[in-house]
């Protein structure tokens, strides 16, 4: 939805210890 709206960049955050969520992000191309 963000890409369709023309957003070229996204920022996301969570608790440092929330590895499960961070793994989902990496699978979708996010990097720390």
ModelCIF file with pLDDT and N, C-alpha, C, O atoms, coordinates in Angstrom:
data_MODEL
#
_entry.id   MODEL 
#
_entity.id                         1 
_entity.type                       polymer 
_entity.pdbx_number_of_molecules   1 
#
_entity_poly.entity_id                      1 
_entity_poly.type                           'polypeptide(L)' 
_entity_poly.nstd_linkage                   no 
_entity_poly.nstd_monomer                   no 
_entity_poly.pdbx_seq_one_letter_code       
;(UNK)(UNK)(UNK)(UNK)(UNK)(UNK)(UNK)(UNK)(UNK)(UNK)(UNK)(UNK)(UNK)(UNK)(UNK)(UNK)
(UNK)(UNK)(UNK)(UNK)(UNK)(UNK)(UNK)(UNK)(UNK)(UNK)(UNK)(UNK)(UNK)(UNK)(UNK)(UNK)
;
_entity_poly.pdbx_seq_one_letter_code_can   XXXXXXXXXXXXXXXXXXXXXXXXXXXXXXXX 
_entity_poly.pdbx_strand_id                 A 
#
loop_
_entity_poly_seq.entity_id 
_entity_poly_seq.num 
_entity_poly_seq.mon_id 
_entity_poly_seq.hetero 
1 1  UNK n 
1 2  UNK n 
1 3  UNK n 
1 4  UNK n 
1 5  UNK n 
1 6  UNK n 
1 7  UNK n 
1 8  UNK n 
1 9  UNK n 
1 10 UNK n 
1 11 UNK n 
1 12 UNK n 
1 13 UNK n 
1 14 UNK n 
1 15 UNK n 
1 16 UNK n 
1 17 UNK n 
1 18 UNK n 
1 19 UNK n 
1 20 UNK n 
1 21 UNK n 
1 22 UNK n 
1 23 UNK n 
1 24 UNK n 
1 25 UNK n 
1 26 UNK n 
1 27 UNK n 
1 28 UNK n 
1 29 UNK n 
1 30 UNK n 
1 31 UNK n 
1 32 UNK n 
#
_struct_asym.id          A 
_struct_asym.entity_id   1 
#
loop_
_ma_qa_metric.id 
_ma_qa_metric.mode 
_ma_qa_metric.name 
_ma_qa_metric.software_group_id 
_ma_qa_metric.type 
1 global pLDDT . pLDDT 
2 local  pLDDT . pLDDT 
#
_ma_qa_metric_global.metric_id      1 
_ma_qa_metric_global.metric_value   88.47 
_ma_qa_metric_global.model_id       1 
_ma_qa_metric_global.ordinal_id     1 
#
loop_
_ma_qa_metric_local.label_asym_id 
_ma_qa_metric_local.label_comp_id 
_ma_qa_metric_local.label_seq_id 
_ma_qa_metric_local.metric_id 
_ma_qa_metric_local.metric_value 
_ma_qa_metric_local.model_id 
_ma_qa_metric_local.ordinal_id 
A UNK 1  2 94.00 1 1  
A UNK 2  2 91.00 1 2  
A UNK 3  2 93.00 1 3  
A UNK 4  2 96.00 1 4  
A UNK 5  2 96.00 1 5  
A UNK 6  2 96.00 1 6  
A UNK 7  2 93.00 1 7  
A UNK 8  2 89.00 1 8  
A UNK 9  2 88.00 1 9  
A UNK 10 2 85.00 1 10 
A UNK 11 2 85.00 1 11 
A UNK 12 2 85.00 1 12 
A UNK 13 2 86.00 1 13 
A UNK 14 2 85.00 1 14 
A UNK 15 2 84.00 1 15 
A UNK 16 2 86.00 1 16 
A UNK 17 2 86.00 1 17 
A UNK 18 2 86.00 1 18 
A UNK 19 2 88.00 1 19 
A UNK 20 2 87.00 1 20 
A UNK 21 2 87.00 1 21 
A UNK 22 2 89.00 1 22 
A UNK 23 2 89.00 1 23 
A UNK 24 2 89.00 1 24 
A UNK 25 2 89.00 1 25 
A UNK 26 2 91.00 1 26 
A UNK 27 2 91.00 1 27 
A UNK 28 2 89.00 1 28 
A UNK 29 2 88.00 1 29 
A UNK 30 2 86.00 1 30 
A UNK 31 2 83.00 1 31 
A UNK 32 2 81.00 1 32 
#
loop_
_atom_site.group_PDB 
_atom_site.id 
_atom_site.type_symbol 
_atom_site.label_atom_id 
_atom_site.label_alt_id 
_atom_site.label_comp_id 
_atom_site.label_asym_id 
_atom_site.label_entity_id 
_atom_site.label_seq_id 
_atom_site.pdbx_PDB_ins_code 
_atom_site.Cartn_x 
_atom_site.Cartn_y 
_atom_site.Cartn_z 
_atom_site.occupancy 
_atom_site.B_iso_or_equiv 
_atom_site.pdbx_formal_charge 
_atom_site.auth_seq_id 
_atom_site.auth_comp_id 
_atom_site.auth_asym_id 
_atom_site.auth_atom_id 
_atom_site.pdbx_PDB_model_num 
ATOM 1   N N  . UNK A 1 1  ? 0.829  -1.206  0.000  1.00 94.00 ? 1  UNK A N  1 
ATOM 2   C CA . UNK A 1 1  ? 0.000  0.000   0.000  1.00 94.00 ? 1  UNK A CA 1 
ATOM 3   C C  . UNK A 1 1  ? 0.865  1.258   0.000  1.00 94.00 ? 1  UNK A C  1 
ATOM 4   O O  . UNK A 1 1  ? 0.566  2.221   -0.706 1.00 94.00 ? 1  UNK A O  1 
ATOM 5   N N  . UNK A 1 2  ? 1.928  1.248   0.785  1.00 91.00 ? 2  UNK A N  1 
ATOM 6   C CA . UNK A 1 2  ? 2.830  2.403   0.819  1.00 91.00 ? 2  UNK A CA 1 
ATOM 7   C C  . UNK A 1 2  ? 3.514  2.611   -0.525 1.00 91.00 ? 2  UNK A C  1 
ATOM 8   O O  . UNK A 1 2  ? 3.636  3.742   -0.996 1.00 91.00 ? 2  UNK A O  1 
ATOM 9   N N  . UNK A 1 3  ? 3.963  1.518   -1.144 1.00 93.00 ? 3  UNK A N  1 
ATOM 10  C CA . UNK A 1 3  ? 4.612  1.623   -2.452 1.00 93.00 ? 3  UNK A CA 1 
ATOM 11  C C  . UNK A 1 3  ? 3.630  2.154   -3.497 1.00 93.00 ? 3  UNK A C  1 
ATOM 12  O O  . UNK A 1 3  ? 4.001  2.986   -4.324 1.00 93.00 ? 3  UNK A O  1 
ATOM 13  N N  . UNK A 1 4  ? 2.400  1.687   -3.469 1.00 96.00 ? 4  UNK A N  1 
ATOM 14  C CA . UNK A 1 4  ? 1.381  2.148   -4.408 1.00 96.00 ? 4  UNK A CA 1 
ATOM 15  C C  . UNK A 1 4  ? 1.083  3.633   -4.217 1.00 96.00 ? 4  UNK A C  1 
ATOM 16  O O  . UNK A 1 4  ? 0.697  4.322   -5.162 1.00 96.00 ? 4  UNK A O  1 
ATOM 17  N N  . UNK A 1 5  ? 1.264  4.118   -2.994 1.00 96.00 ? 5  UNK A N  1 
ATOM 18  C CA . UNK A 1 5  ? 1.031  5.533   -2.692 1.00 96.00 ? 5  UNK A CA 1 
ATOM 19  C C  . UNK A 1 5  ? 2.255  6.387   -3.018 1.00 96.00 ? 5  UNK A C  1 
ATOM 20  O O  . UNK A 1 5  ? 2.224  7.605   -2.840 1.00 96.00 ? 5  UNK A O  1 
ATOM 21  N N  . UNK A 1 6  ? 3.326  5.764   -3.491 1.00 96.00 ? 6  UNK A N  1 
ATOM 22  C CA . UNK A 1 6  ? 4.509  6.506   -3.896 1.00 96.00 ? 6  UNK A CA 1 
ATOM 23  C C  . UNK A 1 6  ? 5.588  6.641   -2.840 1.00 96.00 ? 6  UNK A C  1 
ATOM 24  O O  . UNK A 1 6  ? 6.546  7.387   -3.040 1.00 96.00 ? 6  UNK A O  1 
ATOM 25  N N  . UNK A 1 7  ? 5.463  5.949   -1.735 1.00 93.00 ? 7  UNK A N  1 
ATOM 26  C CA . UNK A 1 7  ? 6.494  6.008   -0.695 1.00 93.00 ? 7  UNK A CA 1 
ATOM 27  C C  . UNK A 1 7  ? 7.701  5.195   -1.139 1.00 93.00 ? 7  UNK A C  1 
ATOM 28  O O  . UNK A 1 7  ? 7.569  4.035   -1.531 1.00 93.00 ? 7  UNK A O  1 
ATOM 29  N N  . UNK A 1 8  ? 8.866  5.803   -1.077 1.00 89.00 ? 8  UNK A N  1 
ATOM 30  C CA . UNK A 1 8  ? 10.090 5.136   -1.501 1.00 89.00 ? 8  UNK A CA 1 
ATOM 31  C C  . UNK A 1 8  ? 10.881 4.563   -0.333 1.00 89.00 ? 8  UNK A C  1 
ATOM 32  O O  . UNK A 1 8  ? 11.816 3.787   -0.534 1.00 89.00 ? 8  UNK A O  1 
ATOM 33  N N  . UNK A 1 9  ? 10.512 4.941   0.883  1.00 88.00 ? 9  UNK A N  1 
ATOM 34  C CA . UNK A 1 9  ? 11.289 4.530   2.059  1.00 88.00 ? 9  UNK A CA 1 
ATOM 35  C C  . UNK A 1 9  ? 10.350 4.335   3.236  1.00 88.00 ? 9  UNK A C  1 
ATOM 36  O O  . UNK A 1 9  ? 9.351  5.041   3.371  1.00 88.00 ? 9  UNK A O  1 
ATOM 37  N N  . UNK A 1 10 ? 10.675 3.377   4.082  1.00 85.00 ? 10 UNK A N  1 
ATOM 38  C CA . UNK A 1 10 ? 9.872  3.124   5.282  1.00 85.00 ? 10 UNK A CA 1 
ATOM 39  C C  . UNK A 1 10 ? 10.800 2.912   6.469  1.00 85.00 ? 10 UNK A C  1 
ATOM 40  O O  . UNK A 1 10 ? 11.905 2.389   6.322  1.00 85.00 ? 10 UNK A O  1 
ATOM 41  N N  . UNK A 1 11 ? 10.348 3.316   7.626  1.00 85.00 ? 11 UNK A N  1 
ATOM 42  C CA . UNK A 1 11 ? 11.070 3.110   8.874  1.00 85.00 ? 11 UNK A CA 1 
ATOM 43  C C  . UNK A 1 11 ? 10.144 2.372   9.822  1.00 85.00 ? 11 UNK A C  1 
ATOM 44  O O  . UNK A 1 11 ? 8.951  2.666   9.896  1.00 85.00 ? 11 UNK A O  1 
ATOM 45  N N  . UNK A 1 12 ? 10.696 1.418   10.541 1.00 85.00 ? 12 UNK A N  1 
ATOM 46  C CA . UNK A 1 12 ? 9.896  0.614   11.460 1.00 85.00 ? 12 UNK A CA 1 
ATOM 47  C C  . UNK A 1 12 ? 10.717 0.375   12.723 1.00 85.00 ? 12 UNK A C  1 
ATOM 48  O O  . UNK A 1 12 ? 11.947 0.384   12.670 1.00 85.00 ? 12 UNK A O  1 
ATOM 49  N N  . UNK A 1 13 ? 10.062 0.164   13.839 1.00 86.00 ? 13 UNK A N  1 
ATOM 50  C CA . UNK A 1 13 ? 10.811 -0.059  15.080 1.00 86.00 ? 13 UNK A CA 1 
ATOM 51  C C  . UNK A 1 13 ? 10.071 -1.027  15.992 1.00 86.00 ? 13 UNK A C  1 
ATOM 52  O O  . UNK A 1 13 ? 8.865  -1.238  15.871 1.00 86.00 ? 13 UNK A O  1 
ATOM 53  N N  . UNK A 1 14 ? 10.834 -1.605  16.905 1.00 85.00 ? 14 UNK A N  1 
ATOM 54  C CA . UNK A 1 14 ? 10.297 -2.495  17.927 1.00 85.00 ? 14 UNK A CA 1 
ATOM 55  C C  . UNK A 1 14 ? 11.286 -2.535  19.083 1.00 85.00 ? 14 UNK A C  1 
ATOM 56  O O  . UNK A 1 14 ? 12.322 -1.871  19.047 1.00 85.00 ? 14 UNK A O  1 
ATOM 57  N N  . UNK A 1 15 ? 10.966 -3.306  20.093 1.00 84.00 ? 15 UNK A N  1 
ATOM 58  C CA . UNK A 1 15 ? 11.891 -3.474  21.200 1.00 84.00 ? 15 UNK A CA 1 
ATOM 59  C C  . UNK A 1 15 ? 13.115 -4.240  20.710 1.00 84.00 ? 15 UNK A C  1 
ATOM 60  O O  . UNK A 1 15 ? 13.017 -5.100  19.835 1.00 84.00 ? 15 UNK A O  1 
ATOM 61  N N  . UNK A 1 16 ? 14.255 -3.919  21.281 1.00 86.00 ? 16 UNK A N  1 
ATOM 62  C CA . UNK A 1 16 ? 15.525 -4.516  20.888 1.00 86.00 ? 16 UNK A CA 1 
ATOM 63  C C  . UNK A 1 16 ? 15.501 -6.038  20.972 1.00 86.00 ? 16 UNK A C  1 
ATOM 64  O O  . UNK A 1 16 ? 16.124 -6.712  20.152 1.00 86.00 ? 16 UNK A O  1 
ATOM 65  N N  . UNK A 1 17 ? 14.799 -6.575  21.938 1.00 86.00 ? 17 UNK A N  1 
ATOM 66  C CA . UNK A 1 17 ? 14.773 -8.018  22.179 1.00 86.00 ? 17 UNK A CA 1 
ATOM 67  C C  . UNK A 1 17 ? 13.728 -8.761  21.348 1.00 86.00 ? 17 UNK A C  1 
ATOM 68  O O  . UNK A 1 17 ? 13.626 -9.983  21.461 1.00 86.00 ? 17 UNK A O  1 
ATOM 69  N N  . UNK A 1 18 ? 12.949 -8.068  20.519 1.00 86.00 ? 18 UNK A N  1 
ATOM 70  C CA . UNK A 1 18 ? 11.851 -8.693  19.775 1.00 86.00 ? 18 UNK A CA 1 
ATOM 71  C C  . UNK A 1 18 ? 12.374 -9.310  18.472 1.00 86.00 ? 18 UNK A C  1 
ATOM 72  O O  . UNK A 1 18 ? 12.121 -8.795  17.383 1.00 86.00 ? 18 UNK A O  1 
ATOM 73  N N  . UNK A 1 19 ? 13.093 -10.402 18.603 1.00 88.00 ? 19 UNK A N  1 
ATOM 74  C CA . UNK A 1 19 ? 13.758 -11.033 17.467 1.00 88.00 ? 19 UNK A CA 1 
ATOM 75  C C  . UNK A 1 19 ? 12.780 -11.627 16.460 1.00 88.00 ? 19 UNK A C  1 
ATOM 76  O O  . UNK A 1 19 ? 13.052 -11.622 15.260 1.00 88.00 ? 19 UNK A O  1 
ATOM 77  N N  . UNK A 1 20 ? 11.678 -12.124 16.921 1.00 87.00 ? 20 UNK A N  1 
ATOM 78  C CA . UNK A 1 20 ? 10.695 -12.737 16.010 1.00 87.00 ? 20 UNK A CA 1 
ATOM 79  C C  . UNK A 1 20 ? 10.207 -11.723 14.975 1.00 87.00 ? 20 UNK A C  1 
ATOM 80  O O  . UNK A 1 20 ? 10.125 -12.026 13.785 1.00 87.00 ? 20 UNK A O  1 
ATOM 81  N N  . UNK A 1 21 ? 9.888  -10.528 15.440 1.00 87.00 ? 21 UNK A N  1 
ATOM 82  C CA . UNK A 1 21 ? 9.444  -9.465  14.544 1.00 87.00 ? 21 UNK A CA 1 
ATOM 83  C C  . UNK A 1 21 ? 10.586 -9.035  13.627 1.00 87.00 ? 21 UNK A C  1 
ATOM 84  O O  . UNK A 1 21 ? 10.374 -8.808  12.435 1.00 87.00 ? 21 UNK A O  1 
ATOM 85  N N  . UNK A 1 22 ? 11.778 -8.925  14.170 1.00 89.00 ? 22 UNK A N  1 
ATOM 86  C CA . UNK A 1 22 ? 12.927 -8.525  13.358 1.00 89.00 ? 22 UNK A CA 1 
ATOM 87  C C  . UNK A 1 22 ? 13.209 -9.537  12.250 1.00 89.00 ? 22 UNK A C  1 
ATOM 88  O O  . UNK A 1 22 ? 13.610 -9.150  11.152 1.00 89.00 ? 22 UNK A O  1 
ATOM 89  N N  . UNK A 1 23 ? 13.006 -10.826 12.521 1.00 89.00 ? 23 UNK A N  1 
ATOM 90  C CA . UNK A 1 23 ? 13.180 -11.844 11.475 1.00 89.00 ? 23 UNK A CA 1 
ATOM 91  C C  . UNK A 1 23 ? 12.158 -11.659 10.365 1.00 89.00 ? 23 UNK A C  1 
ATOM 92  O O  . UNK A 1 23 ? 12.487 -11.826 9.190  1.00 89.00 ? 23 UNK A O  1 
ATOM 93  N N  . UNK A 1 24 ? 10.921 -11.315 10.716 1.00 89.00 ? 24 UNK A N  1 
ATOM 94  C CA . UNK A 1 24 ? 9.893  -11.057 9.698  1.00 89.00 ? 24 UNK A CA 1 
ATOM 95  C C  . UNK A 1 24 ? 10.301 -9.865  8.843  1.00 89.00 ? 24 UNK A C  1 
ATOM 96  O O  . UNK A 1 24 ? 10.120 -9.884  7.626  1.00 89.00 ? 24 UNK A O  1 
ATOM 97  N N  . UNK A 1 25 ? 10.844 -8.843  9.462  1.00 89.00 ? 25 UNK A N  1 
ATOM 98  C CA . UNK A 1 25 ? 11.285 -7.671  8.699  1.00 89.00 ? 25 UNK A CA 1 
ATOM 99  C C  . UNK A 1 25 ? 12.377 -8.042  7.707  1.00 89.00 ? 25 UNK A C  1 
ATOM 100 O O  . UNK A 1 25 ? 12.316 -7.661  6.538  1.00 89.00 ? 25 UNK A O  1 
ATOM 101 N N  . UNK A 1 26 ? 13.368 -8.780  8.169  1.00 91.00 ? 26 UNK A N  1 
ATOM 102 C CA . UNK A 1 26 ? 14.481 -9.165  7.289  1.00 91.00 ? 26 UNK A CA 1 
ATOM 103 C C  . UNK A 1 26 ? 13.982 -9.992  6.111  1.00 91.00 ? 26 UNK A C  1 
ATOM 104 O O  . UNK A 1 26 ? 14.488 -9.847  4.998  1.00 91.00 ? 26 UNK A O  1 
ATOM 105 N N  . UNK A 1 27 ? 13.001 -10.852 6.338  1.00 91.00 ? 27 UNK A N  1 
ATOM 106 C CA . UNK A 1 27 ? 12.441 -11.668 5.261  1.00 91.00 ? 27 UNK A CA 1 
ATOM 107 C C  . UNK A 1 27 ? 11.777 -10.800 4.190  1.00 91.00 ? 27 UNK A C  1 
ATOM 108 O O  . UNK A 1 27 ? 11.651 -11.220 3.040  1.00 91.00 ? 27 UNK A O  1 
ATOM 109 N N  . UNK A 1 28 ? 11.352 -9.593  4.568  1.00 89.00 ? 28 UNK A N  1 
ATOM 110 C CA . UNK A 1 28 ? 10.692 -8.683  3.630  1.00 89.00 ? 28 UNK A CA 1 
ATOM 111 C C  . UNK A 1 28 ? 11.630 -7.597  3.119  1.00 89.00 ? 28 UNK A C  1 
ATOM 112 O O  . UNK A 1 28 ? 11.196 -6.674  2.429  1.00 89.00 ? 28 UNK A O  1 
ATOM 113 N N  . UNK A 1 29 ? 12.910 -7.703  3.453  1.00 88.00 ? 29 UNK A N  1 
ATOM 114 C CA . UNK A 1 29 ? 13.884 -6.777  2.893  1.00 88.00 ? 29 UNK A CA 1 
ATOM 115 C C  . UNK A 1 29 ? 14.295 -5.619  3.775  1.00 88.00 ? 29 UNK A C  1 
ATOM 116 O O  . UNK A 1 29 ? 15.112 -4.799  3.357  1.00 88.00 ? 29 UNK A O  1 
ATOM 117 N N  . UNK A 1 30 ? 13.761 -5.522  4.978  1.00 86.00 ? 30 UNK A N  1 
ATOM 118 C CA . UNK A 1 30 ? 14.203 -4.473  5.892  1.00 86.00 ? 30 UNK A CA 1 
ATOM 119 C C  . UNK A 1 30 ? 15.565 -4.846  6.453  1.00 86.00 ? 30 UNK A C  1 
ATOM 120 O O  . UNK A 1 30 ? 15.899 -6.026  6.565  1.00 86.00 ? 30 UNK A O  1 
ATOM 121 N N  . UNK A 1 31 ? 16.341 -3.847  6.799  1.00 83.00 ? 31 UNK A N  1 
ATOM 122 C CA . UNK A 1 31 ? 17.631 -4.081  7.430  1.00 83.00 ? 31 UNK A CA 1 
ATOM 123 C C  . UNK A 1 31 ? 17.794 -3.138  8.600  1.00 83.00 ? 31 UNK A C  1 
ATOM 124 O O  . UNK A 1 31 ? 17.233 -2.042  8.592  1.00 83.00 ? 31 UNK A O  1 
ATOM 125 N N  . UNK A 1 32 ? 18.553 -3.540  9.608  1.00 81.00 ? 32 UNK A N  1 
ATOM 126 C CA . UNK A 1 32 ? 18.727 -2.687  10.784 1.00 81.00 ? 32 UNK A CA 1 
ATOM 127 C C  . UNK A 1 32 ? 19.559 -1.440  10.476 1.00 81.00 ? 32 UNK A C  1 
ATOM 128 O O  . UNK A 1 32 ? 19.795 -0.620  11.364 1.00 81.00 ? 32 UNK A O  1 
#
